[in-house]
Protein backbone atom coordinates (compact mmCIF):
# COMPACT_ATOMS: atom_id res chain seq x y z
CA MET A 1 33.01 -33.42 50.63
CA ALA A 2 31.32 -35.35 47.83
CA ALA A 3 28.27 -33.09 47.95
CA ALA A 4 30.50 -30.06 47.75
CA ALA A 5 32.45 -31.54 44.75
CA SER A 6 29.22 -32.35 43.02
CA SER A 7 27.89 -28.91 43.53
CA ASP A 8 31.24 -27.37 42.06
CA GLN A 9 30.85 -29.43 39.13
CA ASP A 10 27.13 -28.54 38.54
CA ASP A 11 28.15 -24.99 38.64
CA ILE A 12 30.72 -25.58 36.20
CA LYS A 13 28.47 -27.34 33.82
CA LYS A 14 25.88 -24.44 34.23
CA SER A 15 28.62 -21.97 33.45
CA PHE A 16 29.68 -23.53 30.35
CA SER A 17 26.03 -24.07 29.26
CA ILE A 18 25.35 -20.46 29.63
CA ASN A 19 28.49 -19.45 27.91
CA ARG A 20 27.84 -21.77 24.97
CA ASP A 21 24.26 -20.46 24.71
CA ASN A 22 25.82 -16.82 24.69
CA LYS A 23 28.20 -17.69 21.93
CA THR A 24 25.58 -19.25 19.85
CA LEU A 25 23.25 -16.28 20.34
CA SER A 26 26.15 -14.12 19.23
CA MET A 27 26.85 -15.83 16.17
CA ALA A 28 23.18 -16.02 15.19
CA ASN A 29 23.06 -12.19 15.64
CA SER A 30 26.21 -11.74 13.67
CA GLY A 31 24.52 -13.40 10.74
CA SER A 32 21.22 -11.53 10.95
CA ASP A 33 23.07 -8.10 11.43
CA LYS A 34 24.25 -8.07 7.73
CA ARG A 35 20.87 -8.80 6.39
CA LEU A 36 19.38 -6.28 8.88
CA PHE A 37 21.93 -3.72 7.61
CA PHE A 38 21.01 -4.34 3.93
CA TRP A 39 17.20 -4.21 4.45
CA GLN A 40 17.53 -1.09 6.57
CA ILE A 41 19.32 0.76 3.65
CA VAL A 42 16.89 -0.56 1.03
CA LEU A 43 13.85 0.15 2.95
CA ARG A 44 14.90 3.76 3.99
CA VAL A 45 15.90 4.43 0.31
CA LEU A 46 12.36 3.35 -0.66
CA ALA A 47 10.75 5.47 1.98
CA ILE A 48 12.76 8.52 0.49
CA VAL A 49 11.39 7.53 -3.16
CA PHE A 50 7.95 7.06 -2.09
CA GLY A 51 7.81 10.19 -0.02
CA ALA A 52 9.28 12.26 -2.69
CA SER A 53 7.14 10.85 -5.35
CA ALA A 54 3.93 11.51 -3.28
CA ILE A 55 5.11 15.25 -2.87
CA GLY A 56 5.96 15.64 -6.45
CA VAL A 57 2.57 14.18 -7.73
CA ILE A 58 0.42 16.16 -5.53
CA VAL A 59 2.04 19.52 -5.87
CA THR A 60 1.49 19.31 -9.71
CA SER A 61 -2.14 18.32 -9.33
CA ASP A 62 -3.53 21.74 -9.79
CA GLN A 63 -6.48 21.90 -12.41
CA THR A 64 -8.71 24.55 -13.82
CA VAL A 65 -12.09 23.86 -14.87
CA LEU A 66 -15.15 25.55 -16.48
CA ILE A 67 -18.60 24.74 -14.89
CA TYR A 68 -21.43 26.49 -16.33
CA GLY A 69 -19.02 29.03 -18.06
CA ILE A 70 -17.54 29.73 -14.61
CA GLU A 71 -13.92 29.03 -13.96
CA PHE A 72 -12.96 27.03 -10.92
CA ASP A 73 -9.45 26.05 -9.55
CA ALA A 74 -8.86 22.65 -7.79
CA LYS A 75 -5.68 22.99 -5.80
CA TYR A 76 -4.28 20.86 -2.94
CA THR A 77 -3.49 24.07 -1.12
CA TYR A 78 -7.33 24.56 -0.61
CA SER A 79 -7.52 21.58 1.75
CA ALA A 80 -5.69 21.67 5.16
CA ALA A 81 -5.70 18.01 5.08
CA PHE A 82 -3.79 17.77 1.80
CA LYS A 83 -1.42 20.37 3.03
CA PHE A 84 -0.78 18.31 6.16
CA LEU A 85 -0.11 15.23 4.07
CA VAL A 86 2.52 17.13 1.86
CA GLY A 87 4.07 18.25 5.27
CA ALA A 88 4.05 14.82 6.66
CA ASP A 89 5.67 13.45 3.39
CA ALA A 90 8.37 16.25 3.42
CA VAL A 91 9.24 15.48 7.12
CA ILE A 92 9.48 11.70 6.54
CA CYS A 93 11.63 12.24 3.49
CA ALA A 94 14.08 14.53 5.34
CA CYS A 95 14.15 12.17 8.41
CA ALA A 96 14.56 9.18 6.32
CA ILE A 97 17.63 10.78 4.59
CA LEU A 98 19.09 11.61 7.89
CA SER A 99 18.52 8.12 9.39
CA LEU A 100 20.01 6.57 6.20
CA ILE A 101 23.12 8.56 6.66
CA THR A 102 23.23 7.65 10.30
CA VAL A 103 22.70 3.77 9.50
CA ILE A 104 25.46 3.90 6.78
CA SER A 105 27.92 5.79 8.98
CA TRP A 106 27.26 3.49 12.00
CA GLY A 107 27.97 0.38 9.67
CA PRO A 108 26.53 -3.04 10.16
CA PRO A 109 24.30 -3.14 13.38
CA ARG A 110 26.01 -4.25 16.63
CA SER A 111 24.68 -5.24 19.79
CA ASP A 112 23.85 -1.80 21.20
CA HIS A 113 20.35 -1.49 22.60
CA LYS A 114 20.64 2.24 22.99
CA TYR A 115 21.30 2.66 19.26
CA HIS A 116 18.50 0.33 18.14
CA PHE A 117 15.98 1.97 20.50
CA ALA A 118 16.84 5.38 18.95
CA ILE A 119 16.16 3.90 15.52
CA PHE A 120 13.08 2.14 16.63
CA PHE A 121 11.70 5.28 18.25
CA HIS A 122 12.60 7.43 15.09
CA ASP A 123 10.72 4.85 12.80
CA LEU A 124 7.78 4.66 15.16
CA VAL A 125 7.30 8.40 15.03
CA MET A 126 7.52 8.47 11.35
CA MET A 127 5.12 5.81 10.94
CA VAL A 128 2.49 7.48 13.16
CA LEU A 129 3.05 10.82 11.41
CA GLU A 130 2.76 9.42 7.94
CA ILE A 131 -0.43 7.37 8.57
CA SER A 132 -1.99 10.47 10.30
CA GLY A 133 -1.47 12.49 7.13
CA CYS A 134 -2.80 9.57 4.99
CA ALA A 135 -5.97 9.29 7.12
CA ALA A 136 -6.68 12.87 7.04
CA ALA A 137 -6.12 13.26 3.23
CA SER A 138 -8.20 9.83 2.68
CA ALA A 139 -11.17 11.36 4.43
CA ILE A 140 -11.16 14.62 2.23
CA GLY A 141 -10.54 12.58 -0.74
CA TRP A 142 -13.58 10.29 -0.11
CA ILE A 143 -15.84 13.55 0.17
CA ALA A 144 -14.30 14.91 -3.11
CA LEU A 145 -15.01 11.57 -4.85
CA TYR A 146 -18.49 10.88 -3.46
CA GLY A 147 -19.59 14.17 -1.85
CA GLN A 148 -21.85 14.39 1.22
CA ASN A 149 -25.48 14.97 0.22
CA ASP A 150 -26.50 15.32 3.83
CA VAL A 151 -24.58 18.56 4.06
CA GLY A 152 -24.71 19.85 0.57
CA TRP A 153 -21.08 18.99 -0.22
CA VAL A 154 -21.01 18.35 -3.92
CA THR A 155 -18.47 15.93 -5.68
CA VAL A 156 -15.35 17.38 -7.22
CA CYS A 157 -13.82 14.55 -9.09
CA ASP A 158 -16.75 14.54 -11.60
CA HIS A 159 -15.33 17.96 -12.92
CA ALA A 160 -11.67 17.86 -11.89
CA ALA A 161 -10.59 14.23 -12.82
CA LYS A 162 -6.92 15.12 -13.29
CA PHE A 163 -6.76 16.64 -9.88
CA CYS A 164 -8.47 13.69 -8.07
CA ILE A 165 -6.29 11.06 -10.09
CA GLN A 166 -3.13 12.73 -8.98
CA VAL A 167 -4.14 13.07 -5.35
CA LEU A 168 -4.90 9.40 -5.44
CA ILE A 169 -1.69 8.51 -6.87
CA SER A 170 -0.05 10.64 -4.24
CA LEU A 171 -1.92 8.87 -1.52
CA ILE A 172 -0.93 5.61 -2.72
CA PHE A 173 2.72 6.58 -2.48
CA SER A 174 2.21 8.04 0.92
CA PHE A 175 0.62 4.74 2.19
CA LEU A 176 3.65 2.85 0.72
CA ALA A 177 6.02 5.10 2.63
CA PHE A 178 3.84 4.25 5.81
CA PHE A 179 4.28 0.53 5.34
CA VAL A 180 7.87 0.83 4.71
CA PHE A 181 8.26 2.50 8.17
CA LEU A 182 5.92 -0.03 9.56
CA ILE A 183 8.29 -2.75 8.38
CA LEU A 184 11.27 -0.81 9.62
CA THR A 185 9.61 -0.58 13.05
CA VAL A 186 9.12 -4.19 13.32
CA MET A 187 12.72 -4.91 12.31
CA SER A 188 14.00 -2.47 14.85
CA THR A 189 11.82 -4.06 17.69
CA TYR A 190 13.09 -7.53 16.63
CA LYS A 191 16.79 -6.37 16.75
CA LEU A 192 16.19 -4.57 20.08
CA LYS A 193 14.83 -7.89 21.42
CA GLN A 194 17.83 -9.77 20.41
CA ASP A 195 20.16 -7.18 21.95
CA LEU A 196 18.44 -7.46 25.26
CA GLU A 197 18.61 -11.23 25.25
CA LEU A 198 22.32 -10.99 24.54
CA LYS A 199 22.42 -8.61 27.56
CA HIS A 200 20.59 -10.81 29.74
CA HIS A 201 23.10 -13.79 28.91
CA GLU A 202 26.07 -11.59 29.56
CA MET A 203 24.60 -10.54 32.98
CA LEU A 204 24.13 -14.18 33.71
CA LEU A 205 27.78 -14.96 32.97
CA LYS A 206 28.88 -11.92 35.01
CA ASP A 207 26.77 -12.96 37.91
CA GLY A 208 27.93 -16.46 37.79
CA GLY A 209 31.73 -15.19 38.09
CA TRP A 210 32.84 -16.79 34.94
CA ALA A 211 34.93 -15.12 32.18
CA LEU A 212 33.26 -14.72 28.76
CA ASN A 213 35.91 -16.86 27.08
CA GLY A 214 34.74 -19.87 29.33
CA THR A 215 38.02 -20.26 31.20
CA LEU A 216 37.87 -21.98 34.64
CA PRO A 217 38.94 -20.30 37.71
CA PRO A 218 42.24 -21.28 39.44
């Protein structure tokens, strides 16, 4: 009898301990949700600004130069890598706008792991797409700046300085957009982890047979 009563008391203490931990975690999540919502909006706006700026700078980079009396055009459309970068910037801008509308319409983040996984997956894809465009354009930009003597590729930036400078500025904006999505991916991962921890606590309460409000059974 005494052993059974002691076991019941231990179960009650354990249940209240789990319930208290769950409430503490919920309060902590509530406080971080507002900060997360604010930074989600700010960072997505920055991604739109950086992506649009990168596109605007590179599409106006065309330059015509005279070399030994011969006219040459330097255009981003002559390079598949630069066109890929513009396409990547356009996609991340469009998706950033859509995700911004989604985040605002959804309101402050709640404990919904499916929603946060969708946001995480979106940001991850955008991050990978953007760094792919940046890497491809950086490789071509390096050749344009320094050439490749082994295969007879001459430098372009010695003659088309305006073109190269604007491509460089566009690359900087694109890399900034990449870092924004990197931060967003980390934030989404952290929030997803919090949601799963809260879900785990709720499952412990359910398995223990106690109500979420901590009331004792009759």
